[in-house]
Amino acid sequence: MRLGVEHLEHGSDVDRVANFSEADVERLLQDQGIVRHHGKIAAVINYARRAQELIRAEGSFAAYIWRFEPAAEAMPSPPPRPRRSRFPGI
């Protein structure tokens, strides 16, 4: 099953998947190595097209993801460690 998905996604080549035509969808619906559901295939193609839009707007998918990382000064400092006695029972 996994090989079929990689075949469908062309190794995550967003541009290639985004350009799939209806003929490609029909070909994929005949492929025994993948889940042959028109809606699922259409969703993968739609996701690729939305990813293209995001990449055009942000420069890269990584740039989009990393913009959500908080600034270092906004990160809370770790709580102080409790002082522990070296002697048991104290």
PDB file of N, CA and C in Angstrom:
ATOM      1  N   MET A   1       0.831  -1.199   0.000  1.00  0.00           N
ATOM      2  CA  MET A   1       0.000   0.000   0.000  1.00  0.00           C
ATOM      3  C   MET A   1       0.863   1.245   0.000  1.00  0.00           C
ATOM      4  N   ARG A   2       1.902   1.284   0.767  1.00  0.00           N
ATOM      5  CA  ARG A   2       2.744   2.475   0.853  1.00  0.00           C
ATOM      6  C   ARG A   2       3.376   2.820  -0.489  1.00  0.00           C
ATOM      7  N   LEU A   3       3.809   1.812  -1.232  1.00  0.00           N
ATOM      8  CA  LEU A   3       4.410   2.072  -2.539  1.00  0.00           C
ATOM      9  C   LEU A   3       3.399   2.724  -3.464  1.00  0.00           C
ATOM     10  N   GLY A   4       2.155   2.317  -3.368  1.00  0.00           N
ATOM     11  CA  GLY A   4       1.123   2.919  -4.199  1.00  0.00           C
ATOM     12  C   GLY A   4       0.922   4.385  -3.886  1.00  0.00           C
ATOM     13  N   VAL A   5       0.934   4.728  -2.612  1.00  0.00           N
ATOM     14  CA  VAL A   5       0.776   6.126  -2.219  1.00  0.00           C
ATOM     15  C   VAL A   5       1.953   6.945  -2.731  1.00  0.00           C
ATOM     16  N   GLU A   6       3.169   6.429  -2.602  1.00  0.00           N
ATOM     17  CA  GLU A   6       4.327   7.163  -3.104  1.00  0.00           C
ATOM     18  C   GLU A   6       4.236   7.330  -4.617  1.00  0.00           C
ATOM     19  N   HIS A   7       3.728   6.299  -5.285  1.00  0.00           N
ATOM     20  CA  HIS A   7       3.549   6.403  -6.729  1.00  0.00           C
ATOM     21  C   HIS A   7       2.546   7.515  -7.041  1.00  0.00           C
ATOM     22  N   LEU A   8       1.458   7.566  -6.289  1.00  0.00           N
ATOM     23  CA  LEU A   8       0.431   8.579  -6.498  1.00  0.00           C
ATOM     24  C   LEU A   8       0.991   9.978  -6.258  1.00  0.00           C
ATOM     25  N   GLU A   9       1.751  10.138  -5.214  1.00  0.00           N
ATOM     26  CA  GLU A   9       2.259  11.460  -4.855  1.00  0.00           C
ATOM     27  C   GLU A   9       3.534  11.821  -5.597  1.00  0.00           C
ATOM     28  N   HIS A  10       4.044  10.929  -6.430  1.00  0.00           N
ATOM     29  CA  HIS A  10       5.285  11.182  -7.164  1.00  0.00           C
ATOM     30  C   HIS A  10       6.388  11.654  -6.227  1.00  0.00           C
ATOM     31  N   GLY A  11       6.534  10.977  -5.120  1.00  0.00           N
ATOM     32  CA  GLY A  11       7.595  11.321  -4.181  1.00  0.00           C
ATOM     33  C   GLY A  11       7.398  12.709  -3.600  1.00  0.00           C
ATOM     34  N   SER A  12       6.149  13.120  -3.370  1.00  0.00           N
ATOM     35  CA  SER A  12       5.800  14.428  -2.812  1.00  0.00           C
ATOM     36  C   SER A  12       6.175  15.581  -3.736  1.00  0.00           C
ATOM     37  N   ASP A  13       6.173  15.366  -5.035  1.00  0.00           N
ATOM     38  CA  ASP A  13       6.408  16.432  -6.007  1.00  0.00           C
ATOM     39  C   ASP A  13       5.100  17.199  -6.176  1.00  0.00           C
ATOM     40  N   VAL A  14       4.960  18.272  -5.410  1.00  0.00           N
ATOM     41  CA  VAL A  14       3.725  19.042  -5.349  1.00  0.00           C
ATOM     42  C   VAL A  14       3.320  19.546  -6.734  1.00  0.00           C
ATOM     43  N   ASP A  15       4.256  20.082  -7.478  1.00  0.00           N
ATOM     44  CA  ASP A  15       3.925  20.639  -8.790  1.00  0.00           C
ATOM     45  C   ASP A  15       3.389  19.583  -9.739  1.00  0.00           C
ATOM     46  N   ARG A  16       3.987  18.430  -9.708  1.00  0.00           N
ATOM     47  CA  ARG A  16       3.551  17.362 -10.608  1.00  0.00           C
ATOM     48  C   ARG A  16       2.150  16.881 -10.255  1.00  0.00           C
ATOM     49  N   VAL A  17       1.883  16.699  -8.974  1.00  0.00           N
ATOM     50  CA  VAL A  17       0.565  16.233  -8.545  1.00  0.00           C
ATOM     51  C   VAL A  17      -0.493  17.310  -8.794  1.00  0.00           C
ATOM     52  N   ALA A  18      -0.149  18.566  -8.564  1.00  0.00           N
ATOM     53  CA  ALA A  18      -1.099  19.661  -8.773  1.00  0.00           C
ATOM     54  C   ALA A  18      -1.538  19.762 -10.229  1.00  0.00           C
ATOM     55  N   ASN A  19      -0.718  19.299 -11.129  1.00  0.00           N
ATOM     56  CA  ASN A  19      -1.037  19.377 -12.556  1.00  0.00           C
ATOM     57  C   ASN A  19      -1.717  18.123 -13.092  1.00  0.00           C
ATOM     58  N   PHE A  20      -2.129  17.209 -12.221  1.00  0.00           N
ATOM     59  CA  PHE A  20      -2.835  16.012 -12.680  1.00  0.00           C
ATOM     60  C   PHE A  20      -4.124  16.428 -13.382  1.00  0.00           C
ATOM     61  N   SER A  21      -4.424  15.748 -14.458  1.00  0.00           N
ATOM     62  CA  SER A  21      -5.641  16.002 -15.227  1.00  0.00           C
ATOM     63  C   SER A  21      -6.696  14.955 -14.869  1.00  0.00           C
ATOM     64  N   GLU A  22      -7.874  15.114 -15.452  1.00  0.00           N
ATOM     65  CA  GLU A  22      -8.930  14.121 -15.240  1.00  0.00           C
ATOM     66  C   GLU A  22      -8.506  12.760 -15.796  1.00  0.00           C
ATOM     67  N   ALA A  23      -7.706  12.778 -16.861  1.00  0.00           N
ATOM     68  CA  ALA A  23      -7.190  11.514 -17.413  1.00  0.00           C
ATOM     69  C   ALA A  23      -6.280  10.821 -16.397  1.00  0.00           C
ATOM     70  N   ASP A  24      -5.478  11.600 -15.674  1.00  0.00           N
ATOM     71  CA  ASP A  24      -4.628  11.024 -14.631  1.00  0.00           C
ATOM     72  C   ASP A  24      -5.482  10.417 -13.518  1.00  0.00           C
ATOM     73  N   VAL A  25      -6.559  11.114 -13.153  1.00  0.00           N
ATOM     74  CA  VAL A  25      -7.452  10.602 -12.112  1.00  0.00           C
ATOM     75  C   VAL A  25      -8.055   9.272 -12.562  1.00  0.00           C
ATOM     76  N   GLU A  26      -8.509   9.205 -13.803  1.00  0.00           N
ATOM     77  CA  GLU A  26      -9.086   7.959 -14.315  1.00  0.00           C
ATOM     78  C   GLU A  26      -8.049   6.833 -14.314  1.00  0.00           C
ATOM     79  N   ARG A  27      -6.817   7.154 -14.689  1.00  0.00           N
ATOM     80  CA  ARG A  27      -5.738   6.155 -14.673  1.00  0.00           C
ATOM     81  C   ARG A  27      -5.506   5.664 -13.243  1.00  0.00           C
ATOM     82  N   LEU A  28      -5.502   6.579 -12.282  1.00  0.00           N
ATOM     83  CA  LEU A  28      -5.272   6.205 -10.891  1.00  0.00           C
ATOM     84  C   LEU A  28      -6.424   5.363 -10.328  1.00  0.00           C
ATOM     85  N   LEU A  29      -7.627   5.625 -10.805  1.00  0.00           N
ATOM     86  CA  LEU A  29      -8.770   4.835 -10.342  1.00  0.00           C
ATOM     87  C   LEU A  29      -8.656   3.374 -10.763  1.00  0.00           C
ATOM     88  N   GLN A  30      -7.811   3.080 -11.737  1.00  0.00           N
ATOM     89  CA  GLN A  30      -7.594   1.702 -12.189  1.00  0.00           C
ATOM     90  C   GLN A  30      -6.383   1.053 -11.518  1.00  0.00           C
ATOM     91  N   ASP A  31      -5.614   1.832 -10.759  1.00  0.00           N
ATOM     92  CA  ASP A  31      -4.384   1.348 -10.126  1.00  0.00           C
ATOM     93  C   ASP A  31      -4.722   0.485  -8.915  1.00  0.00           C
ATOM     94  N   GLN A  32      -4.348  -0.778  -8.954  1.00  0.00           N
ATOM     95  CA  GLN A  32      -4.626  -1.720  -7.863  1.00  0.00           C
ATOM     96  C   GLN A  32      -3.783  -1.440  -6.619  1.00  0.00           C
ATOM     97  N   GLY A  33      -2.729  -0.643  -6.747  1.00  0.00           N
ATOM     98  CA  GLY A  33      -1.809  -0.419  -5.639  1.00  0.00           C
ATOM     99  C   GLY A  33      -2.197   0.714  -4.711  1.00  0.00           C
ATOM    100  N   ILE A  34      -3.303   1.405  -4.999  1.00  0.00           N
ATOM    101  CA  ILE A  34      -3.730   2.517  -4.146  1.00  0.00           C
ATOM    102  C   ILE A  34      -5.199   2.352  -3.789  1.00  0.00           C
ATOM    103  N   VAL A  35      -5.658   3.166  -2.848  1.00  0.00           N
ATOM    104  CA  VAL A  35      -7.078   3.204  -2.533  1.00  0.00           C
ATOM    105  C   VAL A  35      -7.754   3.918  -3.701  1.00  0.00           C
ATOM    106  N   ARG A  36      -8.625   3.231  -4.386  1.00  0.00           N
ATOM    107  CA  ARG A  36      -9.227   3.777  -5.601  1.00  0.00           C
ATOM    108  C   ARG A  36     -10.554   4.456  -5.267  1.00  0.00           C
ATOM    109  N   HIS A  37     -10.465   5.621  -4.702  1.00  0.00           N
ATOM    110  CA  HIS A  37     -11.646   6.403  -4.348  1.00  0.00           C
ATOM    111  C   HIS A  37     -11.475   7.776  -4.973  1.00  0.00           C
ATOM    112  N   HIS A  38     -12.412   8.135  -5.832  1.00  0.00           N
ATOM    113  CA  HIS A  38     -12.281   9.392  -6.579  1.00  0.00           C
ATOM    114  C   HIS A  38     -12.091  10.582  -5.638  1.00  0.00           C
ATOM    115  N   GLY A  39     -12.848  10.608  -4.563  1.00  0.00           N
ATOM    116  CA  GLY A  39     -12.764  11.718  -3.615  1.00  0.00           C
ATOM    117  C   GLY A  39     -11.396  11.829  -2.957  1.00  0.00           C
ATOM    118  N   LYS A  40     -10.789  10.708  -2.626  1.00  0.00           N
ATOM    119  CA  LYS A  40      -9.469  10.729  -1.990  1.00  0.00           C
ATOM    120  C   LYS A  40      -8.396  11.185  -2.975  1.00  0.00           C
ATOM    121  N   ILE A  41      -8.501  10.718  -4.220  1.00  0.00           N
ATOM    122  CA  ILE A  41      -7.535  11.141  -5.234  1.00  0.00           C
ATOM    123  C   ILE A  41      -7.690  12.628  -5.499  1.00  0.00           C
ATOM    124  N   ALA A  42      -8.938  13.099  -5.621  1.00  0.00           N
ATOM    125  CA  ALA A  42      -9.195  14.522  -5.848  1.00  0.00           C
ATOM    126  C   ALA A  42      -8.673  15.360  -4.685  1.00  0.00           C
ATOM    127  N   ALA A  43      -8.787  14.840  -3.466  1.00  0.00           N
ATOM    128  CA  ALA A  43      -8.301  15.569  -2.291  1.00  0.00           C
ATOM    129  C   ALA A  43      -6.791  15.737  -2.328  1.00  0.00           C
ATOM    130  N   VAL A  44      -6.068  14.691  -2.727  1.00  0.00           N
ATOM    131  CA  VAL A  44      -4.603  14.779  -2.810  1.00  0.00           C
ATOM    132  C   VAL A  44      -4.207  15.834  -3.840  1.00  0.00           C
ATOM    133  N   ILE A  45      -4.898  15.867  -4.962  1.00  0.00           N
ATOM    134  CA  ILE A  45      -4.602  16.862  -5.996  1.00  0.00           C
ATOM    135  C   ILE A  45      -4.923  18.257  -5.476  1.00  0.00           C
ATOM    136  N   ASN A  46      -6.049  18.407  -4.779  1.00  0.00           N
ATOM    137  CA  ASN A  46      -6.413  19.700  -4.200  1.00  0.00           C
ATOM    138  C   ASN A  46      -5.390  20.158  -3.165  1.00  0.00           C
ATOM    139  N   TYR A  47      -4.927  19.237  -2.318  1.00  0.00           N
ATOM    140  CA  TYR A  47      -3.908  19.583  -1.320  1.00  0.00           C
ATOM    141  C   TYR A  47      -2.639  20.083  -2.002  1.00  0.00           C
ATOM    142  N   ALA A  48      -2.272  19.452  -3.096  1.00  0.00           N
ATOM    143  CA  ALA A  48      -1.072  19.878  -3.824  1.00  0.00           C
ATOM    144  C   ALA A  48      -1.256  21.292  -4.376  1.00  0.00           C
ATOM    145  N   ARG A  49      -2.434  21.593  -4.879  1.00  0.00           N
ATOM    146  CA  ARG A  49      -2.699  22.939  -5.404  1.00  0.00           C
ATOM    147  C   ARG A  49      -2.693  23.977  -4.291  1.00  0.00           C
ATOM    148  N   ARG A  50      -3.235  23.630  -3.142  1.00  0.00           N
ATOM    149  CA  ARG A  50      -3.205  24.566  -2.001  1.00  0.00           C
ATOM    150  C   ARG A  50      -1.763  24.749  -1.503  1.00  0.00           C
ATOM    151  N   ALA A  51      -0.977  23.678  -1.536  1.00  0.00           N
ATOM    152  CA  ALA A  51       0.432  23.778  -1.135  1.00  0.00           C
ATOM    153  C   ALA A  51       1.183  24.708  -2.080  1.00  0.00           C
ATOM    154  N   GLN A  52       0.882  24.637  -3.389  1.00  0.00           N
ATOM    155  CA  GLN A  52       1.514  25.555  -4.345  1.00  0.00           C
ATOM    156  C   GLN A  52       1.198  27.004  -3.986  1.00  0.00           C
ATOM    157  N   GLU A  53      -0.050  27.277  -3.649  1.00  0.00           N
ATOM    158  CA  GLU A  53      -0.450  28.641  -3.269  1.00  0.00           C
ATOM    159  C   GLU A  53       0.318  29.099  -2.030  1.00  0.00           C
ATOM    160  N   LEU A  54       0.417  28.229  -1.053  1.00  0.00           N
ATOM    161  CA  LEU A  54       1.117  28.569   0.179  1.00  0.00           C
ATOM    162  C   LEU A  54       2.596  28.840  -0.088  1.00  0.00           C
ATOM    163  N   ILE A  55       3.210  28.025  -0.929  1.00  0.00           N
ATOM    164  CA  ILE A  55       4.631  28.194  -1.250  1.00  0.00           C
ATOM    165  C   ILE A  55       4.854  29.505  -1.993  1.00  0.00           C
ATOM    166  N   ARG A  56       3.947  29.841  -2.921  1.00  0.00           N
ATOM    167  CA  ARG A  56       4.066  31.129  -3.628  1.00  0.00           C
ATOM    168  C   ARG A  56       3.945  32.300  -2.658  1.00  0.00           C
ATOM    169  N   ALA A  57       3.037  32.199  -1.696  1.00  0.00           N
ATOM    170  CA  ALA A  57       2.805  33.294  -0.750  1.00  0.00           C
ATOM    171  C   ALA A  57       3.916  33.428   0.290  1.00  0.00           C
ATOM    172  N   GLU A  58       4.461  32.306   0.752  1.00  0.00           N
ATOM    173  CA  GLU A  58       5.416  32.317   1.867  1.00  0.00           C
ATOM    174  C   GLU A  58       6.863  32.091   1.451  1.00  0.00           C
ATOM    175  N   GLY A  59       7.096  31.634   0.235  1.00  0.00           N
ATOM    176  CA  GLY A  59       8.455  31.345  -0.216  1.00  0.00           C
ATOM    177  C   GLY A  59       8.801  29.871  -0.125  1.00  0.00           C
ATOM    178  N   SER A  60       8.307  29.201   0.907  1.00  0.00           N
ATOM    179  CA  SER A  60       8.501  27.765   1.073  1.00  0.00           C
ATOM    180  C   SER A  60       7.547  27.278   2.154  1.00  0.00           C
ATOM    181  N   PHE A  61       7.321  25.983   2.170  1.00  0.00           N
ATOM    182  CA  PHE A  61       6.473  25.419   3.215  1.00  0.00           C
ATOM    183  C   PHE A  61       7.168  25.553   4.566  1.00  0.00           C
ATOM    184  N   ALA A  62       8.478  25.372   4.578  1.00  0.00           N
ATOM    185  CA  ALA A  62       9.240  25.491   5.825  1.00  0.00           C
ATOM    186  C   ALA A  62       9.127  26.900   6.400  1.00  0.00           C
ATOM    187  N   ALA A  63       9.195  27.923   5.532  1.00  0.00           N
ATOM    188  CA  ALA A  63       9.069  29.308   6.005  1.00  0.00           C
ATOM    189  C   ALA A  63       7.714  29.522   6.666  1.00  0.00           C
ATOM    190  N   TYR A  64       6.688  28.935   6.093  1.00  0.00           N
ATOM    191  CA  TYR A  64       5.353  29.050   6.672  1.00  0.00           C
ATOM    192  C   TYR A  64       5.302  28.402   8.056  1.00  0.00           C
ATOM    193  N   ILE A  65       5.830  27.208   8.190  1.00  0.00           N
ATOM    194  CA  ILE A  65       5.804  26.497   9.476  1.00  0.00           C
ATOM    195  C   ILE A  65       6.627  27.225  10.529  1.00  0.00           C
ATOM    196  N   TRP A  66       7.833  27.677  10.158  1.00  0.00           N
ATOM    197  CA  TRP A  66       8.728  28.289  11.133  1.00  0.00           C
ATOM    198  C   TRP A  66       8.239  29.650  11.622  1.00  0.00           C
ATOM    199  N   ARG A  67       7.334  30.289  10.916  1.00  0.00           N
ATOM    200  CA  ARG A  67       6.854  31.591  11.387  1.00  0.00           C
ATOM    201  C   ARG A  67       6.020  31.462  12.650  1.00  0.00           C
ATOM    202  N   PHE A  68       5.596  30.249  12.985  1.00  0.00           N
ATOM    203  CA  PHE A  68       4.822  30.032  14.197  1.00  0.00           C
ATOM    204  C   PHE A  68       5.697  29.783  15.422  1.00  0.00           C
ATOM    205  N   GLU A  69       7.000  29.663  15.231  1.00  0.00           N
ATOM    206  CA  GLU A  69       7.895  29.465  16.376  1.00  0.00           C
ATOM    207  C   GLU A  69       7.956  30.753  17.175  1.00  0.00           C
ATOM    208  N   PRO A  70       7.745  30.708  18.469  1.00  0.00           N
ATOM    209  CA  PRO A  70       7.808  31.934  19.269  1.00  0.00           C
ATOM    210  C   PRO A  70       9.240  32.459  19.351  1.00  0.00           C
ATOM    211  N   ALA A  71       9.351  33.755  19.504  1.00  0.00           N
ATOM    212  CA  ALA A  71      10.671  34.369  19.672  1.00  0.00           C
ATOM    213  C   ALA A  71      11.294  33.852  20.964  1.00  0.00           C
ATOM    214  N   ALA A  72      12.602  33.808  21.003  1.00  0.00           N
ATOM    215  CA  ALA A  72      13.310  33.268  22.170  1.00  0.00           C
ATOM    216  C   ALA A  72      12.927  34.019  23.444  1.00  0.00           C
ATOM    217  N   GLU A  73      12.772  35.338  23.346  1.00  0.00           N
ATOM    218  CA  GLU A  73      12.428  36.111  24.540  1.00  0.00           C
ATOM    219  C   GLU A  73      10.984  35.860  24.993  1.00  0.00           C
ATOM    220  N   ALA A  74      10.154  35.338  24.129  1.00  0.00           N
ATOM    221  CA  ALA A  74       8.775  35.033  24.495  1.00  0.00           C
ATOM    222  C   ALA A  74       8.649  33.654  25.141  1.00  0.00           C
ATOM    223  N   MET A  75       9.684  32.854  25.049  1.00  0.00           N
ATOM    224  CA  MET A  75       9.647  31.519  25.626  1.00  0.00           C
ATOM    225  C   MET A  75       9.847  31.625  27.137  1.00  0.00           C
ATOM    226  N   PRO A  76       9.048  30.903  27.909  1.00  0.00           N
ATOM    227  CA  PRO A  76       9.234  30.956  29.366  1.00  0.00           C
ATOM    228  C   PRO A  76      10.536  30.267  29.758  1.00  0.00           C
ATOM    229  N   SER A  77      11.154  30.809  30.790  1.00  0.00           N
ATOM    230  CA  SER A  77      12.377  30.167  31.279  1.00  0.00           C
ATOM    231  C   SER A  77      11.972  28.940  32.092  1.00  0.00           C
ATOM    232  N   PRO A  78      12.834  27.956  32.155  1.00  0.00           N
ATOM    233  CA  PRO A  78      12.482  26.753  32.924  1.00  0.00           C
ATOM    234  C   PRO A  78      12.358  27.096  34.408  1.00  0.00           C
ATOM    235  N   PRO A  79      11.507  26.389  35.124  1.00  0.00           N
ATOM    236  CA  PRO A  79      11.354  26.679  36.557  1.00  0.00           C
ATOM    237  C   PRO A  79      12.644  26.345  37.302  1.00  0.00           C
ATOM    238  N   PRO A  80      12.884  27.049  38.392  1.00  0.00           N
ATOM    239  CA  PRO A  80      14.109  26.755  39.162  1.00  0.00           C
ATOM    240  C   PRO A  80      14.047  25.343  39.734  1.00  0.00           C
ATOM    241  N   ARG A  81      15.196  24.717  39.779  1.00  0.00           N
ATOM    242  CA  ARG A  81      15.263  23.367  40.339  1.00  0.00           C
ATOM    243  C   ARG A  81      15.234  23.466  41.860  1.00  0.00           C
ATOM    244  N   PRO A  82      14.521  22.557  42.510  1.00  0.00           N
ATOM    245  CA  PRO A  82      14.482  22.603  43.977  1.00  0.00           C
ATOM    246  C   PRO A  82      15.855  22.245  44.552  1.00  0.00           C
ATOM    247  N   ARG A  83      16.193  22.912  45.637  1.00  0.00           N
ATOM    248  CA  ARG A  83      17.452  22.575  46.304  1.00  0.00           C
ATOM    249  C   ARG A  83      17.270  21.272  47.054  1.00  0.00           C
ATOM    250  N   ARG A  84      18.212  20.422  46.912  1.00  0.00           N
ATOM    251  CA  ARG A  84      18.110  19.115  47.571  1.00  0.00           C
ATOM    252  C   ARG A  84      19.293  18.969  48.534  1.00  0.00           C
ATOM    253  N   SER A  85      18.956  18.410  49.663  1.00  0.00           N
ATOM    254  CA  SER A  85      19.974  18.153  50.657  1.00  0.00           C
ATOM    255  C   SER A  85      20.763  16.906  50.245  1.00  0.00           C
ATOM    256  N   ARG A  86      22.029  16.920  50.563  1.00  0.00           N
ATOM    257  CA  ARG A  86      22.856  15.757  50.273  1.00  0.00           C
ATOM    258  C   ARG A  86      22.679  14.684  51.336  1.00  0.00           C
ATOM    259  N   PHE A  87      21.964  15.018  52.408  1.00  0.00           N
ATOM    260  CA  PHE A  87      21.800  14.062  53.500  1.00  0.00           C
ATOM    261  C   PHE A  87      20.365  13.546  53.511  1.00  0.00           C
ATOM    262  N   PRO A  88      20.189  12.241  53.616  1.00  0.00           N
ATOM    263  CA  PRO A  88      18.831  11.688  53.630  1.00  0.00           C
ATOM    264  C   PRO A  88      18.083  12.134  54.880  1.00  0.00           C
ATOM    265  N   GLY A  89      16.808  12.347  54.717  1.00  0.00           N
ATOM    266  CA  GLY A  89      15.966  12.694  55.855  1.00  0.00           C
ATOM    267  C   GLY A  89      15.943  14.173  56.178  1.00  0.00           C
ATOM    268  N   ILE A  90      16.665  14.963  55.473  1.00  0.00           N
ATOM    269  CA  ILE A  90      16.657  16.417  55.767  1.00  0.00           C
ATOM    270  C   ILE A  90      15.931  17.133  54.660  1.00  0.00           C
TER     271      ILE A  90
END
